[in-house]
PDB file of N, CA and C in Angstrom:
ATOM      1  N   UNK A   1     129.951 103.133 122.782  1.00  0.00           N
ATOM      2  CA  UNK A   1     129.321 103.968 121.763  1.00  0.00           C
ATOM      3  C   UNK A   1     128.998 103.127 120.523  1.00  0.00           C
ATOM      4  N   UNK A   2     127.847 103.343 119.993  1.00  0.00           N
ATOM      5  CA  UNK A   2     127.402 102.582 118.831  1.00  0.00           C
ATOM      6  C   UNK A   2     127.808 103.323 117.564  1.00  0.00           C
ATOM      7  N   UNK A   3     128.476 102.625 116.655  1.00  0.00           N
ATOM      8  CA  UNK A   3     128.832 103.247 115.382  1.00  0.00           C
ATOM      9  C   UNK A   3     127.762 102.959 114.341  1.00  0.00           C
ATOM     10  N   UNK A   4     127.957 103.518 113.174  1.00  0.00           N
ATOM     11  CA  UNK A   4     126.942 103.407 112.117  1.00  0.00           C
ATOM     12  C   UNK A   4     126.642 101.965 111.738  1.00  0.00           C
ATOM     13  N   UNK A   5     127.686 101.125 111.674  1.00  0.00           N
ATOM     14  CA  UNK A   5     127.487  99.728 111.285  1.00  0.00           C
ATOM     15  C   UNK A   5     126.645  98.985 112.318  1.00  0.00           C
ATOM     16  N   UNK A   6     126.985  99.147 113.602  1.00  0.00           N
ATOM     17  CA  UNK A   6     126.230  98.460 114.657  1.00  0.00           C
ATOM     18  C   UNK A   6     124.796  98.952 114.735  1.00  0.00           C
ATOM     19  N   UNK A   7     124.609 100.247 114.613  1.00  0.00           N
ATOM     20  CA  UNK A   7     123.268 100.809 114.671  1.00  0.00           C
ATOM     21  C   UNK A   7     122.424 100.314 113.506  1.00  0.00           C
ATOM     22  N   UNK A   8     123.023 100.260 112.326  1.00  0.00           N
ATOM     23  CA  UNK A   8     122.285  99.776 111.159  1.00  0.00           C
ATOM     24  C   UNK A   8     121.953  98.282 111.302  1.00  0.00           C
ATOM     25  N   UNK A   9     122.855  97.511 111.867  1.00  0.00           N
ATOM     26  CA  UNK A   9     122.592  96.079 112.071  1.00  0.00           C
ATOM     27  C   UNK A   9     121.472  95.873 113.083  1.00  0.00           C
ATOM     28  N   UNK A  10     121.439  96.681 114.141  1.00  0.00           N
ATOM     29  CA  UNK A  10     120.343  96.587 115.108  1.00  0.00           C
ATOM     30  C   UNK A  10     119.020  96.931 114.448  1.00  0.00           C
ATOM     31  N   UNK A  11     119.029  97.968 113.630  1.00  0.00           N
ATOM     32  CA  UNK A  11     117.814  98.369 112.926  1.00  0.00           C
ATOM     33  C   UNK A  11     117.344  97.262 111.982  1.00  0.00           C
ATOM     34  N   UNK A  12     118.263  96.665 111.253  1.00  0.00           N
ATOM     35  CA  UNK A  12     117.902  95.581 110.340  1.00  0.00           C
ATOM     36  C   UNK A  12     117.347  94.380 111.100  1.00  0.00           C
ATOM     37  N   UNK A  13     117.913  94.071 112.263  1.00  0.00           N
ATOM     38  CA  UNK A  13     117.442  92.938 113.058  1.00  0.00           C
ATOM     39  C   UNK A  13     116.019  93.171 113.549  1.00  0.00           C
ATOM     40  N   UNK A  14     115.733  94.384 114.009  1.00  0.00           N
ATOM     41  CA  UNK A  14     114.383  94.691 114.485  1.00  0.00           C
ATOM     42  C   UNK A  14     113.403  94.661 113.324  1.00  0.00           C
ATOM     43  N   UNK A  15     113.791  95.190 112.182  1.00  0.00           N
ATOM     44  CA  UNK A  15     112.908  95.149 111.010  1.00  0.00           C
ATOM     45  C   UNK A  15     112.630  93.713 110.575  1.00  0.00           C
ATOM     46  N   UNK A  16     113.655  92.861 110.627  1.00  0.00           N
ATOM     47  CA  UNK A  16     113.462  91.454 110.280  1.00  0.00           C
ATOM     48  C   UNK A  16     112.486  90.794 111.249  1.00  0.00           C
ATOM     49  N   UNK A  17     112.654  91.064 112.549  1.00  0.00           N
ATOM     50  CA  UNK A  17     111.756  90.493 113.551  1.00  0.00           C
ATOM     51  C   UNK A  17     110.322  90.965 113.326  1.00  0.00           C
ATOM     52  N   UNK A  18     110.164  92.234 112.979  1.00  0.00           N
ATOM     53  CA  UNK A  18     108.822  92.749 112.688  1.00  0.00           C
ATOM     54  C   UNK A  18     108.199  92.047 111.491  1.00  0.00           C
ATOM     55  N   UNK A  19     108.978  91.840 110.460  1.00  0.00           N
ATOM     56  CA  UNK A  19     108.452  91.153 109.274  1.00  0.00           C
ATOM     57  C   UNK A  19     108.079  89.711 109.610  1.00  0.00           C
ATOM     58  N   UNK A  20     108.916  89.047 110.397  1.00  0.00           N
ATOM     59  CA  UNK A  20     108.645  87.672 110.790  1.00  0.00           C
ATOM     60  C   UNK A  20     107.358  87.596 111.617  1.00  0.00           C
ATOM     61  N   UNK A  21     107.175  88.535 112.536  1.00  0.00           N
ATOM     62  CA  UNK A  21     105.944  88.573 113.323  1.00  0.00           C
ATOM     63  C   UNK A  21     104.732  88.880 112.447  1.00  0.00           C
ATOM     64  N   UNK A  22     104.930  89.725 111.459  1.00  0.00           N
ATOM     65  CA  UNK A  22     103.849  90.025 110.516  1.00  0.00           C
ATOM     66  C   UNK A  22     103.387  88.748 109.813  1.00  0.00           C
ATOM     67  N   UNK A  23     104.328  87.959 109.361  1.00  0.00           N
ATOM     68  CA  UNK A  23     103.987  86.702 108.694  1.00  0.00           C
ATOM     69  C   UNK A  23     103.294  85.737 109.658  1.00  0.00           C
ATOM     70  N   UNK A  24     103.767  85.691 110.892  1.00  0.00           N
ATOM     71  CA  UNK A  24     103.164  84.818 111.904  1.00  0.00           C
ATOM     72  C   UNK A  24     101.723  85.222 112.180  1.00  0.00           C
ATOM     73  N   UNK A  25     101.474  86.527 112.282  1.00  0.00           N
ATOM     74  CA  UNK A  25     100.115  86.968 112.602  1.00  0.00           C
ATOM     75  C   UNK A  25      99.143  86.751 111.443  1.00  0.00           C
ATOM     76  N   UNK A  26      99.661  86.516 110.246  1.00  0.00           N
ATOM     77  CA  UNK A  26      98.772  86.162 109.133  1.00  0.00           C
ATOM     78  C   UNK A  26      97.996  84.877 109.428  1.00  0.00           C
ATOM     79  N   UNK A  27      98.610  83.961 110.157  1.00  0.00           N
ATOM     80  CA  UNK A  27      97.952  82.690 110.466  1.00  0.00           C
ATOM     81  C   UNK A  27      97.560  82.572 111.934  1.00  0.00           C
ATOM     82  N   UNK A  28      98.012  83.483 112.770  1.00  0.00           N
ATOM     83  CA  UNK A  28      97.708  83.450 114.202  1.00  0.00           C
ATOM     84  C   UNK A  28      97.238  84.841 114.645  1.00  0.00           C
ATOM     85  N   UNK A  29      96.201  85.329 114.012  1.00  0.00           N
ATOM     86  CA  UNK A  29      95.740  86.693 114.230  1.00  0.00           C
ATOM     87  C   UNK A  29      95.226  86.989 115.627  1.00  0.00           C
ATOM     88  N   UNK A  30      94.871  85.979 116.383  1.00  0.00           N
ATOM     89  CA  UNK A  30      94.308  86.197 117.720  1.00  0.00           C
ATOM     90  C   UNK A  30      95.352  86.107 118.831  1.00  0.00           C
ATOM     91  N   UNK A  31      96.603  85.992 118.478  1.00  0.00           N
ATOM     92  CA  UNK A  31      97.673  85.870 119.470  1.00  0.00           C
ATOM     93  C   UNK A  31      97.994  87.256 120.035  1.00  0.00           C
ATOM     94  N   UNK A  32      97.449  87.543 121.208  1.00  0.00           N
ATOM     95  CA  UNK A  32      97.600  88.876 121.815  1.00  0.00           C
ATOM     96  C   UNK A  32      99.044  89.169 122.223  1.00  0.00           C
ATOM     97  N   UNK A  33      99.768  88.164 122.668  1.00  0.00           N
ATOM     98  CA  UNK A  33     101.167  88.380 123.063  1.00  0.00           C
ATOM     99  C   UNK A  33     102.015  88.811 121.865  1.00  0.00           C
ATOM    100  N   UNK A  34     101.742  88.218 120.728  1.00  0.00           N
ATOM    101  CA  UNK A  34     102.475  88.590 119.519  1.00  0.00           C
ATOM    102  C   UNK A  34     102.153  90.018 119.114  1.00  0.00           C
ATOM    103  N   UNK A  35     100.917  90.408 119.255  1.00  0.00           N
ATOM    104  CA  UNK A  35     100.528  91.791 118.931  1.00  0.00           C
ATOM    105  C   UNK A  35     101.233  92.785 119.846  1.00  0.00           C
ATOM    106  N   UNK A  36     101.343  92.451 121.138  1.00  0.00           N
ATOM    107  CA  UNK A  36     102.056  93.320 122.079  1.00  0.00           C
ATOM    108  C   UNK A  36     103.535  93.414 121.709  1.00  0.00           C
ATOM    109  N   UNK A  37     104.127  92.276 121.386  1.00  0.00           N
ATOM    110  CA  UNK A  37     105.534  92.262 120.985  1.00  0.00           C
ATOM    111  C   UNK A  37     105.749  93.071 119.712  1.00  0.00           C
ATOM    112  N   UNK A  38     104.814  92.963 118.782  1.00  0.00           N
ATOM    113  CA  UNK A  38     104.908  93.724 117.535  1.00  0.00           C
ATOM    114  C   UNK A  38     104.906  95.217 117.816  1.00  0.00           C
ATOM    115  N   UNK A  39     104.039  95.675 118.695  1.00  0.00           N
ATOM    116  CA  UNK A  39     104.000  97.102 119.028  1.00  0.00           C
ATOM    117  C   UNK A  39     105.275  97.555 119.714  1.00  0.00           C
ATOM    118  N   UNK A  40     105.814  96.721 120.584  1.00  0.00           N
ATOM    119  CA  UNK A  40     107.078  97.040 121.248  1.00  0.00           C
ATOM    120  C   UNK A  40     108.205  97.162 120.223  1.00  0.00           C
ATOM    121  N   UNK A  41     108.267  96.217 119.306  1.00  0.00           N
ATOM    122  CA  UNK A  41     109.309  96.254 118.279  1.00  0.00           C
ATOM    123  C   UNK A  41     109.111  97.428 117.319  1.00  0.00           C
ATOM    124  N   UNK A  42     107.863  97.783 117.034  1.00  0.00           N
ATOM    125  CA  UNK A  42     107.603  98.947 116.173  1.00  0.00           C
ATOM    126  C   UNK A  42     108.145 100.222 116.791  1.00  0.00           C
ATOM    127  N   UNK A  43     107.904 100.382 118.089  1.00  0.00           N
ATOM    128  CA  UNK A  43     108.433 101.566 118.784  1.00  0.00           C
ATOM    129  C   UNK A  43     109.954 101.557 118.778  1.00  0.00           C
ATOM    130  N   UNK A  44     110.544 100.387 119.032  1.00  0.00           N
ATOM    131  CA  UNK A  44     112.000 100.260 119.027  1.00  0.00           C
ATOM    132  C   UNK A  44     112.552 100.574 117.641  1.00  0.00           C
ATOM    133  N   UNK A  45     111.895 100.091 116.600  1.00  0.00           N
ATOM    134  CA  UNK A  45     112.327 100.355 115.234  1.00  0.00           C
ATOM    135  C   UNK A  45     112.272 101.849 114.933  1.00  0.00           C
ATOM    136  N   UNK A  46     111.191 102.506 115.339  1.00  0.00           N
ATOM    137  CA  UNK A  46     111.067 103.947 115.121  1.00  0.00           C
ATOM    138  C   UNK A  46     112.168 104.718 115.840  1.00  0.00           C
ATOM    139  N   UNK A  47     112.482 104.304 117.078  1.00  0.00           N
ATOM    140  CA  UNK A  47     113.543 104.962 117.843  1.00  0.00           C
ATOM    141  C   UNK A  47     114.905 104.762 117.187  1.00  0.00           C
ATOM    142  N   UNK A  48     115.184 103.539 116.758  1.00  0.00           N
ATOM    143  CA  UNK A  48     116.470 103.258 116.108  1.00  0.00           C
ATOM    144  C   UNK A  48     116.603 104.028 114.796  1.00  0.00           C
ATOM    145  N   UNK A  49     115.518 104.071 114.026  1.00  0.00           N
ATOM    146  CA  UNK A  49     115.549 104.806 112.764  1.00  0.00           C
ATOM    147  C   UNK A  49     115.779 106.290 113.010  1.00  0.00           C
ATOM    148  N   UNK A  50     115.091 106.831 113.992  1.00  0.00           N
ATOM    149  CA  UNK A  50     115.260 108.246 114.318  1.00  0.00           C
ATOM    150  C   UNK A  50     116.688 108.528 114.771  1.00  0.00           C
ATOM    151  N   UNK A  51     117.231 107.654 115.628  1.00  0.00           N
ATOM    152  CA  UNK A  51     118.610 107.816 116.095  1.00  0.00           C
ATOM    153  C   UNK A  51     119.591 107.759 114.930  1.00  0.00           C
ATOM    154  N   UNK A  52     119.402 106.776 114.048  1.00  0.00           N
ATOM    155  CA  UNK A  52     120.302 106.637 112.909  1.00  0.00           C
ATOM    156  C   UNK A  52     120.245 107.878 112.018  1.00  0.00           C
ATOM    157  N   UNK A  53     119.049 108.311 111.694  1.00  0.00           N
ATOM    158  CA  UNK A  53     118.903 109.438 110.778  1.00  0.00           C
ATOM    159  C   UNK A  53     119.371 110.753 111.397  1.00  0.00           C
ATOM    160  N   UNK A  54     119.261 110.897 112.699  1.00  0.00           N
ATOM    161  CA  UNK A  54     119.792 112.097 113.361  1.00  0.00           C
ATOM    162  C   UNK A  54     121.311 112.126 113.295  1.00  0.00           C
ATOM    163  N   UNK A  55     121.942 110.961 113.430  1.00  0.00           N
ATOM    164  CA  UNK A  55     123.399 110.890 113.444  1.00  0.00           C
ATOM    165  C   UNK A  55     124.005 110.850 112.048  1.00  0.00           C
ATOM    166  N   UNK A  56     123.384 110.090 111.124  1.00  0.00           N
ATOM    167  CA  UNK A  56     124.030 109.790 109.850  1.00  0.00           C
ATOM    168  C   UNK A  56     123.244 110.225 108.619  1.00  0.00           C
ATOM    169  N   UNK A  57     122.046 110.747 108.791  1.00  0.00           N
ATOM    170  CA  UNK A  57     121.237 111.152 107.648  1.00  0.00           C
ATOM    171  C   UNK A  57     120.230 110.085 107.286  1.00  0.00           C
ATOM    172  N   UNK A  58     119.324 110.408 106.380  1.00  0.00           N
ATOM    173  CA  UNK A  58     118.240 109.488 106.027  1.00  0.00           C
ATOM    174  C   UNK A  58     118.743 108.231 105.313  1.00  0.00           C
ATOM    175  N   UNK A  59     118.056 107.122 105.569  1.00  0.00           N
ATOM    176  CA  UNK A  59     118.391 105.857 104.909  1.00  0.00           C
ATOM    177  C   UNK A  59     117.774 105.754 103.525  1.00  0.00           C
ATOM    178  N   UNK A  60     116.628 106.394 103.336  1.00  0.00           N
ATOM    179  CA  UNK A  60     115.954 106.335 102.045  1.00  0.00           C
ATOM    180  C   UNK A  60     115.481 107.719 101.648  1.00  0.00           C
ATOM    181  N   UNK A  61     115.168 107.854 100.402  1.00  0.00           N
ATOM    182  CA  UNK A  61     114.664 109.138  99.920  1.00  0.00           C
ATOM    183  C   UNK A  61     113.269 109.426 100.469  1.00  0.00           C
ATOM    184  N   UNK A  62     112.553 108.391 100.892  1.00  0.00           N
ATOM    185  CA  UNK A  62     111.213 108.581 101.440  1.00  0.00           C
ATOM    186  C   UNK A  62     111.245 109.322 102.775  1.00  0.00           C
ATOM    187  N   UNK A  63     112.370 109.264 103.468  1.00  0.00           N
ATOM    188  CA  UNK A  63     112.497 109.909 104.768  1.00  0.00           C
ATOM    189  C   UNK A  63     113.217 111.250 104.666  1.00  0.00           C
ATOM    190  N   UNK A  64     113.387 111.753 103.467  1.00  0.00           N
ATOM    191  CA  UNK A  64     114.207 112.940 103.265  1.00  0.00           C
ATOM    192  C   UNK A  64     113.486 113.935 102.378  1.00  0.00           C
ATOM    193  N   UNK A  65     113.077 115.045 102.966  1.00  0.00           N
ATOM    194  CA  UNK A  65     112.355 116.053 102.199  1.00  0.00           C
ATOM    195  C   UNK A  65     113.284 116.914 101.346  1.00  0.00           C
ATOM    196  N   UNK A  66     114.543 117.049 101.757  1.00  0.00           N
ATOM    197  CA  UNK A  66     115.470 117.949 101.069  1.00  0.00           C
ATOM    198  C   UNK A  66     116.444 117.239 100.131  1.00  0.00           C
ATOM    199  N   UNK A  67     116.303 115.942  99.972  1.00  0.00           N
ATOM    200  CA  UNK A  67     117.180 115.136  99.106  1.00  0.00           C
ATOM    201  C   UNK A  67     118.637 115.149  99.563  1.00  0.00           C
ATOM    202  N   UNK A  68     118.875 115.299 100.855  1.00  0.00           N
ATOM    203  CA  UNK A  68     120.254 115.276 101.342  1.00  0.00           C
ATOM    204  C   UNK A  68     120.861 113.881 101.257  1.00  0.00           C
ATOM    205  N   UNK A  69     120.004 112.851 101.159  1.00  0.00           N
ATOM    206  CA  UNK A  69     120.534 111.491 101.048  1.00  0.00           C
ATOM    207  C   UNK A  69     121.389 111.346  99.800  1.00  0.00           C
ATOM    208  N   UNK A  70     121.068 112.088  98.754  1.00  0.00           N
ATOM    209  CA  UNK A  70     121.808 111.985  97.498  1.00  0.00           C
ATOM    210  C   UNK A  70     123.162 112.689  97.578  1.00  0.00           C
ATOM    211  N   UNK A  71     123.348 113.543  98.572  1.00  0.00           N
ATOM    212  CA  UNK A  71     124.599 114.273  98.719  1.00  0.00           C
ATOM    213  C   UNK A  71     125.629 113.526  99.550  1.00  0.00           C
ATOM    214  N   UNK A  72     125.205 112.517 100.297  1.00  0.00           N
ATOM    215  CA  UNK A  72     126.127 111.751 101.126  1.00  0.00           C
ATOM    216  C   UNK A  72     126.736 110.620 100.300  1.00  0.00           C
ATOM    217  N   UNK A  73     127.952 110.183 100.665  1.00  0.00           N
ATOM    218  CA  UNK A  73     128.577 109.085  99.919  1.00  0.00           C
ATOM    219  C   UNK A  73     127.789 107.786 100.089  1.00  0.00           C
ATOM    220  N   UNK A  74     127.769 106.988  99.056  1.00  0.00           N
ATOM    221  CA  UNK A  74     127.133 105.688  99.158  1.00  0.00           C
ATOM    222  C   UNK A  74     127.975 104.792 100.073  1.00  0.00           C
ATOM    223  N   UNK A  75     127.368 103.780 100.699  1.00  0.00           N
ATOM    224  CA  UNK A  75     128.106 102.963 101.674  1.00  0.00           C
ATOM    225  C   UNK A  75     129.375 102.343 101.119  1.00  0.00           C
ATOM    226  N   UNK A  76     129.378 101.917  99.871  1.00  0.00           N
ATOM    227  CA  UNK A  76     130.543 101.246  99.318  1.00  0.00           C
ATOM    228  C   UNK A  76     131.692 102.220  99.022  1.00  0.00           C
ATOM    229  N   UNK A  77     131.414 103.510  98.999  1.00  0.00           N
ATOM    230  CA  UNK A  77     132.466 104.489  98.762  1.00  0.00           C
ATOM    231  C   UNK A  77     133.370 104.588  99.981  1.00  0.00           C
ATOM    232  N   UNK A  78     132.793 104.627 101.167  1.00  0.00           N
ATOM    233  CA  UNK A  78     133.573 104.782 102.404  1.00  0.00           C
ATOM    234  C   UNK A  78     134.007 103.471 103.021  1.00  0.00           C
ATOM    235  N   UNK A  79     133.251 102.431 102.833  1.00  0.00           N
ATOM    236  CA  UNK A  79     133.474 101.211 103.595  1.00  0.00           C
ATOM    237  C   UNK A  79     133.882 100.016 102.743  1.00  0.00           C
ATOM    238  N   UNK A  80     134.090 100.197 101.493  1.00  0.00           N
ATOM    239  CA  UNK A  80     134.446  99.074 100.656  1.00  0.00           C
ATOM    240  C   UNK A  80     133.322  98.062 100.517  1.00  0.00           C
ATOM    241  N   UNK A  81     132.098  98.531 100.550  1.00  0.00           N
ATOM    242  CA  UNK A  81     130.959  97.640 100.373  1.00  0.00           C
ATOM    243  C   UNK A  81     130.425  97.070 101.667  1.00  0.00           C
ATOM    244  N   UNK A  82     131.055  97.380 102.802  1.00  0.00           N
ATOM    245  CA  UNK A  82     130.611  96.849 104.078  1.00  0.00           C
ATOM    246  C   UNK A  82     129.677  97.842 104.742  1.00  0.00           C
ATOM    247  N   UNK A  83     128.409  97.556 104.704  1.00  0.00           N
ATOM    248  CA  UNK A  83     127.440  98.433 105.354  1.00  0.00           C
ATOM    249  C   UNK A  83     126.662  97.627 106.290  1.00  0.00           C
TER     250      UNK A  83
END
């Protein structure tokens, strides 16, 4: 079973990979394999974000229409700063 820390780390890793691919495609725009990988990672990122937010609530206020993110404890309150 994946806990909040592991799920968040997976999400951060996929987001980092997406950003890295974004930078790569700035100079290699015709690389079709990279574009396919980017789309695969985008879908994976969306799935991980949806899974995280269903289990633990929204990560940002942009993903929260009811402002419930402000009602949950901040990461350092429960985990001693380890998020």
